[in-house]
Amino acid sequence: IAAVNGYALGGGCELALACHIRIASERAKFG
């Protein structure tokens, strides 16, 4: 489970995508 608590950019977005479930903080940004 990716608990995305802020910026998930570049390799960070790709890392989240490799996880089976993604949930996000209201502050999260993806790109």
PDB file of all heavy atoms in Angstrom:
ATOM      1  N   ILE A   1       0.857  -1.188   0.000  1.00  0.00           N
ATOM      2  CA  ILE A   1       0.000   0.000   0.000  1.00  0.00           C
ATOM      3  C   ILE A   1       0.891   1.235   0.000  1.00  0.00           C
ATOM      4  O   ILE A   1       1.698   1.417   0.909  1.00  0.00           O
ATOM      5  CB  ILE A   1      -0.911   0.022   1.241  1.00  0.00           C
ATOM      6  CG1 ILE A   1      -1.799  -1.227   1.278  1.00  0.00           C
ATOM      7  CG2 ILE A   1      -1.763   1.297   1.262  1.00  0.00           C
ATOM      8  CD1 ILE A   1      -2.538  -1.399   2.607  1.00  0.00           C
ATOM      9  N   ALA A   2       0.756   2.080  -1.003  1.00  0.00           N
ATOM     10  CA  ALA A   2       1.474   3.354  -1.028  1.00  0.00           C
ATOM     11  C   ALA A   2       0.630   4.395  -0.306  1.00  0.00           C
ATOM     12  O   ALA A   2      -0.483   4.696  -0.732  1.00  0.00           O
ATOM     13  CB  ALA A   2       1.739   3.789  -2.460  1.00  0.00           C
ATOM     14  N   ALA A   3       1.146   4.934   0.781  1.00  0.00           N
ATOM     15  CA  ALA A   3       0.500   6.031   1.501  1.00  0.00           C
ATOM     16  C   ALA A   3       1.202   7.311   1.063  1.00  0.00           C
ATOM     17  O   ALA A   3       2.245   7.686   1.592  1.00  0.00           O
ATOM     18  CB  ALA A   3       0.608   5.835   3.011  1.00  0.00           C
ATOM     19  N   VAL A   4       0.637   7.962   0.054  1.00  0.00           N
ATOM     20  CA  VAL A   4       1.292   9.096  -0.603  1.00  0.00           C
ATOM     21  C   VAL A   4       0.986  10.363   0.183  1.00  0.00           C
ATOM     22  O   VAL A   4      -0.109  10.910   0.107  1.00  0.00           O
ATOM     23  CB  VAL A   4       0.840   9.211  -2.067  1.00  0.00           C
ATOM     24  CG1 VAL A   4       1.580  10.356  -2.750  1.00  0.00           C
ATOM     25  CG2 VAL A   4       1.102   7.900  -2.813  1.00  0.00           C
ATOM     26  N   ASN A   5       1.964  10.831   0.927  1.00  0.00           N
ATOM     27  CA  ASN A   5       1.763  11.897   1.903  1.00  0.00           C
ATOM     28  C   ASN A   5       2.218  13.272   1.408  1.00  0.00           C
ATOM     29  O   ASN A   5       2.220  14.231   2.168  1.00  0.00           O
ATOM     30  CB  ASN A   5       2.526  11.571   3.198  1.00  0.00           C
ATOM     31  CG  ASN A   5       4.000  11.302   2.956  1.00  0.00           C
ATOM     32  OD1 ASN A   5       4.361  10.564   2.053  1.00  0.00           O
ATOM     33  ND2 ASN A   5       4.855  11.902   3.764  1.00  0.00           N
ATOM     34  N   GLY A   6       2.577  13.386   0.125  1.00  0.00           N
ATOM     35  CA  GLY A   6       3.046  14.673  -0.400  1.00  0.00           C
ATOM     36  C   GLY A   6       3.415  14.508  -1.862  1.00  0.00           C
ATOM     37  O   GLY A   6       2.758  13.776  -2.604  1.00  0.00           O
ATOM     38  N   TYR A   7       4.508  15.144  -2.281  1.00  0.00           N
ATOM     39  CA  TYR A   7       4.924  15.072  -3.672  1.00  0.00           C
ATOM     40  C   TYR A   7       5.283  13.640  -4.075  1.00  0.00           C
ATOM     41  O   TYR A   7       6.080  12.969  -3.414  1.00  0.00           O
ATOM     42  CB  TYR A   7       6.140  15.970  -3.912  1.00  0.00           C
ATOM     43  CG  TYR A   7       5.840  17.441  -3.835  1.00  0.00           C
ATOM     44  CD1 TYR A   7       6.332  18.218  -2.785  1.00  0.00           C
ATOM     45  CD2 TYR A   7       5.071  18.065  -4.815  1.00  0.00           C
ATOM     46  CE1 TYR A   7       6.056  19.574  -2.713  1.00  0.00           C
ATOM     47  CE2 TYR A   7       4.785  19.421  -4.756  1.00  0.00           C
ATOM     48  CZ  TYR A   7       5.284  20.175  -3.703  1.00  0.00           C
ATOM     49  OH  TYR A   7       5.007  21.508  -3.634  1.00  0.00           O
ATOM     50  N   ALA A   8       4.703  13.177  -5.181  1.00  0.00           N
ATOM     51  CA  ALA A   8       5.052  11.902  -5.798  1.00  0.00           C
ATOM     52  C   ALA A   8       5.337  12.222  -7.262  1.00  0.00           C
ATOM     53  O   ALA A   8       4.460  12.127  -8.123  1.00  0.00           O
ATOM     54  CB  ALA A   8       3.935  10.888  -5.668  1.00  0.00           C
ATOM     55  N   LEU A   9       6.561  12.629  -7.526  1.00  0.00           N
ATOM     56  CA  LEU A   9       6.925  13.141  -8.838  1.00  0.00           C
ATOM     57  C   LEU A   9       8.022  12.275  -9.456  1.00  0.00           C
ATOM     58  O   LEU A   9       8.891  11.765  -8.745  1.00  0.00           O
ATOM     59  CB  LEU A   9       7.419  14.579  -8.735  1.00  0.00           C
ATOM     60  CG  LEU A   9       6.483  15.574  -8.047  1.00  0.00           C
ATOM     61  CD1 LEU A   9       7.145  16.948  -7.958  1.00  0.00           C
ATOM     62  CD2 LEU A   9       5.149  15.666  -8.782  1.00  0.00           C
ATOM     63  N   GLY A  10       7.995  12.128 -10.774  1.00  0.00           N
ATOM     64  CA  GLY A  10       9.025  11.363 -11.449  1.00  0.00           C
ATOM     65  C   GLY A  10       9.106   9.955 -10.896  1.00  0.00           C
ATOM     66  O   GLY A  10       8.134   9.202 -10.908  1.00  0.00           O
ATOM     67  N   GLY A  11      10.294   9.595 -10.400  1.00  0.00           N
ATOM     68  CA  GLY A  11      10.467   8.272  -9.817  1.00  0.00           C
ATOM     69  C   GLY A  11       9.540   8.005  -8.653  1.00  0.00           C
ATOM     70  O   GLY A  11       9.211   6.847  -8.369  1.00  0.00           O
ATOM     71  N   GLY A  12       9.080   9.059  -7.972  1.00  0.00           N
ATOM     72  CA  GLY A  12       8.141   8.878  -6.871  1.00  0.00           C
ATOM     73  C   GLY A  12       6.778   8.453  -7.357  1.00  0.00           C
ATOM     74  O   GLY A  12       6.117   7.599  -6.747  1.00  0.00           O
ATOM     75  N   CYS A  13       6.327   9.024  -8.459  1.00  0.00           N
ATOM     76  CA  CYS A  13       5.064   8.605  -9.056  1.00  0.00           C
ATOM     77  C   CYS A  13       5.186   7.175  -9.568  1.00  0.00           C
ATOM     78  O   CYS A  13       4.278   6.351  -9.387  1.00  0.00           O
ATOM     79  CB  CYS A  13       4.680   9.557 -10.183  1.00  0.00           C
ATOM     80  SG  CYS A  13       3.031   9.277 -10.872  1.00  0.00           S
ATOM     81  N   GLU A  14       6.323   6.870 -10.183  1.00  0.00           N
ATOM     82  CA  GLU A  14       6.553   5.515 -10.683  1.00  0.00           C
ATOM     83  C   GLU A  14       6.602   4.505  -9.542  1.00  0.00           C
ATOM     84  O   GLU A  14       6.113   3.369  -9.676  1.00  0.00           O
ATOM     85  CB  GLU A  14       7.846   5.485 -11.483  1.00  0.00           C
ATOM     86  CG  GLU A  14       7.755   6.263 -12.786  1.00  0.00           C
ATOM     87  CD  GLU A  14       9.096   6.438 -13.476  1.00  0.00           C
ATOM     88  OE1 GLU A  14      10.008   7.041 -12.859  1.00  0.00           O
ATOM     89  OE2 GLU A  14       9.222   5.978 -14.616  1.00  0.00           O
ATOM     90  N   LEU A  15       7.170   4.889  -8.413  1.00  0.00           N
ATOM     91  CA  LEU A  15       7.203   4.009  -7.249  1.00  0.00           C
ATOM     92  C   LEU A  15       5.795   3.734  -6.744  1.00  0.00           C
ATOM     93  O   LEU A  15       5.442   2.585  -6.449  1.00  0.00           O
ATOM     94  CB  LEU A  15       8.053   4.648  -6.145  1.00  0.00           C
ATOM     95  CG  LEU A  15       8.135   3.892  -4.819  1.00  0.00           C
ATOM     96  CD1 LEU A  15       8.680   2.479  -5.013  1.00  0.00           C
ATOM     97  CD2 LEU A  15       9.001   4.667  -3.822  1.00  0.00           C
ATOM     98  N   ALA A  16       4.984   4.772  -6.650  1.00  0.00           N
ATOM     99  CA  ALA A  16       3.598   4.579  -6.225  1.00  0.00           C
ATOM    100  C   ALA A  16       2.852   3.665  -7.188  1.00  0.00           C
ATOM    101  O   ALA A  16       2.058   2.808  -6.773  1.00  0.00           O
ATOM    102  CB  ALA A  16       2.894   5.929  -6.110  1.00  0.00           C
ATOM    103  N   LEU A  17       3.108   3.825  -8.485  1.00  0.00           N
ATOM    104  CA  LEU A  17       2.438   3.001  -9.491  1.00  0.00           C
ATOM    105  C   LEU A  17       2.806   1.529  -9.364  1.00  0.00           C
ATOM    106  O   LEU A  17       2.024   0.651  -9.746  1.00  0.00           O
ATOM    107  CB  LEU A  17       2.799   3.494 -10.895  1.00  0.00           C
ATOM    108  CG  LEU A  17       2.135   4.787 -11.344  1.00  0.00           C
ATOM    109  CD1 LEU A  17       2.857   5.364 -12.564  1.00  0.00           C
ATOM    110  CD2 LEU A  17       0.656   4.563 -11.658  1.00  0.00           C
ATOM    111  N   ALA A  18       3.983   1.233  -8.834  1.00  0.00           N
ATOM    112  CA  ALA A  18       4.407  -0.157  -8.659  1.00  0.00           C
ATOM    113  C   ALA A  18       3.712  -0.823  -7.473  1.00  0.00           C
ATOM    114  O   ALA A  18       3.748  -2.056  -7.347  1.00  0.00           O
ATOM    115  CB  ALA A  18       5.920  -0.233  -8.479  1.00  0.00           C
ATOM    116  N   CYS A  19       3.078  -0.029  -6.612  1.00  0.00           N
ATOM    117  CA  CYS A  19       2.364  -0.572  -5.458  1.00  0.00           C
ATOM    118  C   CYS A  19       0.969  -1.034  -5.871  1.00  0.00           C
ATOM    119  O   CYS A  19       0.408  -0.575  -6.859  1.00  0.00           O
ATOM    120  CB  CYS A  19       2.283   0.480  -4.353  1.00  0.00           C
ATOM    121  SG  CYS A  19       3.906   1.006  -3.726  1.00  0.00           S
ATOM    122  N   HIS A  20       0.392  -1.921  -5.096  1.00  0.00           N
ATOM    123  CA  HIS A  20      -0.888  -2.522  -5.462  1.00  0.00           C
ATOM    124  C   HIS A  20      -2.080  -1.626  -5.142  1.00  0.00           C
ATOM    125  O   HIS A  20      -3.096  -1.664  -5.844  1.00  0.00           O
ATOM    126  CB  HIS A  20      -1.036  -3.861  -4.749  1.00  0.00           C
ATOM    127  CG  HIS A  20       0.111  -4.792  -5.023  1.00  0.00           C
ATOM    128  ND1 HIS A  20       1.120  -5.013  -4.109  1.00  0.00           N
ATOM    129  CD2 HIS A  20       0.425  -5.499  -6.129  1.00  0.00           C
ATOM    130  CE1 HIS A  20       1.997  -5.857  -4.643  1.00  0.00           C
ATOM    131  NE2 HIS A  20       1.601  -6.161  -5.859  1.00  0.00           N
ATOM    132  N   ILE A  21      -1.966  -0.849  -4.091  1.00  0.00           N
ATOM    133  CA  ILE A  21      -3.015   0.086  -3.681  1.00  0.00           C
ATOM    134  C   ILE A  21      -2.353   1.419  -3.397  1.00  0.00           C
ATOM    135  O   ILE A  21      -1.289   1.462  -2.760  1.00  0.00           O
ATOM    136  CB  ILE A  21      -3.763  -0.411  -2.429  1.00  0.00           C
ATOM    137  CG1 ILE A  21      -4.448  -1.752  -2.700  1.00  0.00           C
ATOM    138  CG2 ILE A  21      -4.794   0.623  -1.957  1.00  0.00           C
ATOM    139  CD1 ILE A  21      -5.067  -2.395  -1.454  1.00  0.00           C
ATOM    140  N   ARG A  22      -2.972   2.500  -3.853  1.00  0.00           N
ATOM    141  CA  ARG A  22      -2.446   3.844  -3.597  1.00  0.00           C
ATOM    142  C   ARG A  22      -3.527   4.678  -2.930  1.00  0.00           C
ATOM    143  O   ARG A  22      -4.645   4.798  -3.470  1.00  0.00           O
ATOM    144  CB  ARG A  22      -2.017   4.513  -4.916  1.00  0.00           C
ATOM    145  CG  ARG A  22      -0.806   3.882  -5.551  1.00  0.00           C
ATOM    146  CD  ARG A  22      -0.596   4.358  -6.988  1.00  0.00           C
ATOM    147  NE  ARG A  22      -1.696   3.890  -7.851  1.00  0.00           N
ATOM    148  CZ  ARG A  22      -1.770   2.659  -8.361  1.00  0.00           C
ATOM    149  NH1 ARG A  22      -0.830   1.776  -8.107  1.00  0.00           N
ATOM    150  NH2 ARG A  22      -2.782   2.324  -9.128  1.00  0.00           N
ATOM    151  N   ILE A  23      -3.208   5.226  -1.768  1.00  0.00           N
ATOM    152  CA  ILE A  23      -4.080   6.201  -1.129  1.00  0.00           C
ATOM    153  C   ILE A  23      -3.278   7.470  -0.913  1.00  0.00           C
ATOM    154  O   ILE A  23      -2.047   7.422  -0.823  1.00  0.00           O
ATOM    155  CB  ILE A  23      -4.691   5.679   0.189  1.00  0.00           C
ATOM    156  CG1 ILE A  23      -3.592   5.345   1.217  1.00  0.00           C
ATOM    157  CG2 ILE A  23      -5.567   4.461  -0.065  1.00  0.00           C
ATOM    158  CD1 ILE A  23      -4.140   4.965   2.580  1.00  0.00           C
ATOM    159  N   ALA A  24      -3.969   8.598  -0.838  1.00  0.00           N
ATOM    160  CA  ALA A  24      -3.252   9.872  -0.832  1.00  0.00           C
ATOM    161  C   ALA A  24      -3.747  10.804   0.259  1.00  0.00           C
ATOM    162  O   ALA A  24      -4.936  10.820   0.593  1.00  0.00           O
ATOM    163  CB  ALA A  24      -3.395  10.562  -2.190  1.00  0.00           C
ATOM    164  N   SER A  25      -2.829  11.589   0.766  1.00  0.00           N
ATOM    165  CA  SER A  25      -3.159  12.741   1.586  1.00  0.00           C
ATOM    166  C   SER A  25      -3.755  13.821   0.700  1.00  0.00           C
ATOM    167  O   SER A  25      -3.458  13.900  -0.498  1.00  0.00           O
ATOM    168  CB  SER A  25      -1.892  13.251   2.272  1.00  0.00           C
ATOM    169  OG  SER A  25      -1.978  14.622   2.597  1.00  0.00           O
ATOM    170  N   GLU A  26      -4.563  14.661   1.290  1.00  0.00           N
ATOM    171  CA  GLU A  26      -5.122  15.795   0.552  1.00  0.00           C
ATOM    172  C   GLU A  26      -4.033  16.727   0.032  1.00  0.00           C
ATOM    173  O   GLU A  26      -4.267  17.513  -0.888  1.00  0.00           O
ATOM    174  CB  GLU A  26      -6.067  16.570   1.478  1.00  0.00           C
ATOM    175  CG  GLU A  26      -5.373  17.094   2.728  1.00  0.00           C
ATOM    176  CD  GLU A  26      -6.344  17.480   3.839  1.00  0.00           C
ATOM    177  OE1 GLU A  26      -7.560  17.488   3.579  1.00  0.00           O
ATOM    178  OE2 GLU A  26      -5.868  17.771   4.950  1.00  0.00           O
ATOM    179  N   ARG A  27      -2.817  16.618   0.563  1.00  0.00           N
ATOM    180  CA  ARG A  27      -1.698  17.458   0.119  1.00  0.00           C
ATOM    181  C   ARG A  27      -0.908  16.843  -1.040  1.00  0.00           C
ATOM    182  O   ARG A  27       0.014  17.474  -1.558  1.00  0.00           O
ATOM    183  CB  ARG A  27      -0.727  17.694   1.283  1.00  0.00           C
ATOM    184  CG  ARG A  27      -1.326  18.379   2.500  1.00  0.00           C
ATOM    185  CD  ARG A  27      -0.243  18.566   3.540  1.00  0.00           C
ATOM    186  NE  ARG A  27      -0.767  19.038   4.817  1.00  0.00           N
ATOM    187  CZ  ARG A  27      -0.041  19.192   5.922  1.00  0.00           C
ATOM    188  NH1 ARG A  27       1.264  18.921   5.881  1.00  0.00           N
ATOM    189  NH2 ARG A  27      -0.587  19.604   7.046  1.00  0.00           N
ATOM    190  N   ALA A  28      -1.216  15.625  -1.422  1.00  0.00           N
ATOM    191  CA  ALA A  28      -0.405  14.914  -2.406  1.00  0.00           C
ATOM    192  C   ALA A  28      -0.450  15.576  -3.775  1.00  0.00           C
ATOM    193  O   ALA A  28      -1.458  16.157  -4.184  1.00  0.00           O
ATOM    194  CB  ALA A  28      -0.873  13.466  -2.517  1.00  0.00           C
ATOM    195  N   LYS A  29       0.657  15.466  -4.484  1.00  0.00           N
ATOM    196  CA  LYS A  29       0.773  15.931  -5.871  1.00  0.00           C
ATOM    197  C   LYS A  29       1.461  14.828  -6.669  1.00  0.00           C
ATOM    198  O   LYS A  29       2.443  14.235  -6.216  1.00  0.00           O
ATOM    199  CB  LYS A  29       1.618  17.207  -5.964  1.00  0.00           C
ATOM    200  CG  LYS A  29       1.103  18.384  -5.158  1.00  0.00           C
ATOM    201  CD  LYS A  29       0.031  19.130  -5.903  1.00  0.00           C
ATOM    202  CE  LYS A  29      -0.329  20.429  -5.163  1.00  0.00           C
ATOM    203  NZ  LYS A  29      -1.389  21.174  -5.877  1.00  0.00           N
ATOM    204  N   PHE A  30       0.953  14.575  -7.866  1.00  0.00           N
ATOM    205  CA  PHE A  30       1.501  13.529  -8.723  1.00  0.00           C
ATOM    206  C   PHE A  30       1.953  14.125 -10.044  1.00  0.00           C
ATOM    207  O   PHE A  30       1.324  15.053 -10.559  1.00  0.00           O
ATOM    208  CB  PHE A  30       0.443  12.453  -8.995  1.00  0.00           C
ATOM    209  CG  PHE A  30      -0.019  11.720  -7.776  1.00  0.00           C
ATOM    210  CD1 PHE A  30      -1.022  12.248  -6.965  1.00  0.00           C
ATOM    211  CD2 PHE A  30       0.540  10.500  -7.426  1.00  0.00           C
ATOM    212  CE1 PHE A  30      -1.458  11.574  -5.833  1.00  0.00           C
ATOM    213  CE2 PHE A  30       0.104   9.823  -6.300  1.00  0.00           C
ATOM    214  CZ  PHE A  30      -0.884  10.363  -5.496  1.00  0.00           C
ATOM    215  N   GLY A  31       3.000  13.566 -10.624  1.00  0.00           N
ATOM    216  CA  GLY A  31       3.435  14.047 -11.928  1.00  0.00           C
ATOM    217  C   GLY A  31       4.606  13.262 -12.467  1.00  0.00           C
ATOM    218  O   GLY A  31       5.344  12.597 -11.724  1.00  0.00           O
TER     219      GLY A  31
END
